Amino acid sequence: PAQAQQQGQAINEHRDVGRNDPCWCGSGKKFKRCHGA
């Protein structure tokens, strides 16, 4: 259960990123083409 909560928090951290915004990882790609797949 503790791991599930940690995973949920990681997902929630980046929910504010729009699909067409630059990805939070710094790749320079749009979020939808990088981690938003």
Protein backbone atom coordinates (compact mmCIF):
# COMPACT_ATOMS: atom_id res chain seq x y z
CA PRO A 1 0.00 0.00 0.00
CA ALA A 2 2.80 2.48 0.76
CA GLN A 3 4.21 2.02 -2.73
CA ALA A 4 0.83 2.69 -4.31
CA GLN A 5 0.60 6.00 -2.45
CA GLN A 6 4.07 7.02 -3.59
CA GLN A 7 3.22 6.23 -7.21
CA GLY A 8 0.01 8.24 -6.94
CA GLN A 9 1.92 11.24 -5.65
CA ALA A 10 4.40 11.05 -8.53
CA ILE A 11 1.55 11.07 -11.03
CA ASN A 12 -0.18 13.99 -9.29
CA GLU A 13 2.99 16.10 -9.34
CA HIS A 14 2.78 16.55 -13.10
CA ARG A 15 -0.96 16.80 -13.66
CA ASP A 16 -0.70 20.58 -14.01
CA VAL A 17 1.43 20.19 -17.15
CA GLY A 18 -0.63 20.75 -20.29
CA ARG A 19 -0.29 18.19 -23.08
CA ASN A 20 1.22 20.79 -25.41
CA ASP A 21 3.55 22.26 -22.79
CA PRO A 22 7.25 21.33 -22.77
CA CYS A 23 7.82 18.11 -20.85
CA TRP A 24 8.89 18.44 -17.23
CA CYS A 25 11.84 16.08 -17.79
CA GLY A 26 13.75 18.65 -19.84
CA SER A 27 13.86 16.69 -23.10
CA GLY A 28 12.53 19.65 -25.08
CA LYS A 29 9.65 17.56 -26.40
CA LYS A 30 6.00 18.28 -25.79
CA PHE A 31 4.62 16.46 -22.75
CA LYS A 32 2.21 14.45 -24.92
CA ARG A 33 5.09 13.15 -27.06
CA CYS A 34 7.32 12.35 -24.07
CA HIS A 35 5.98 11.33 -20.66
CA GLY A 36 2.32 12.01 -21.45
CA ALA A 37 1.94 9.01 -23.76
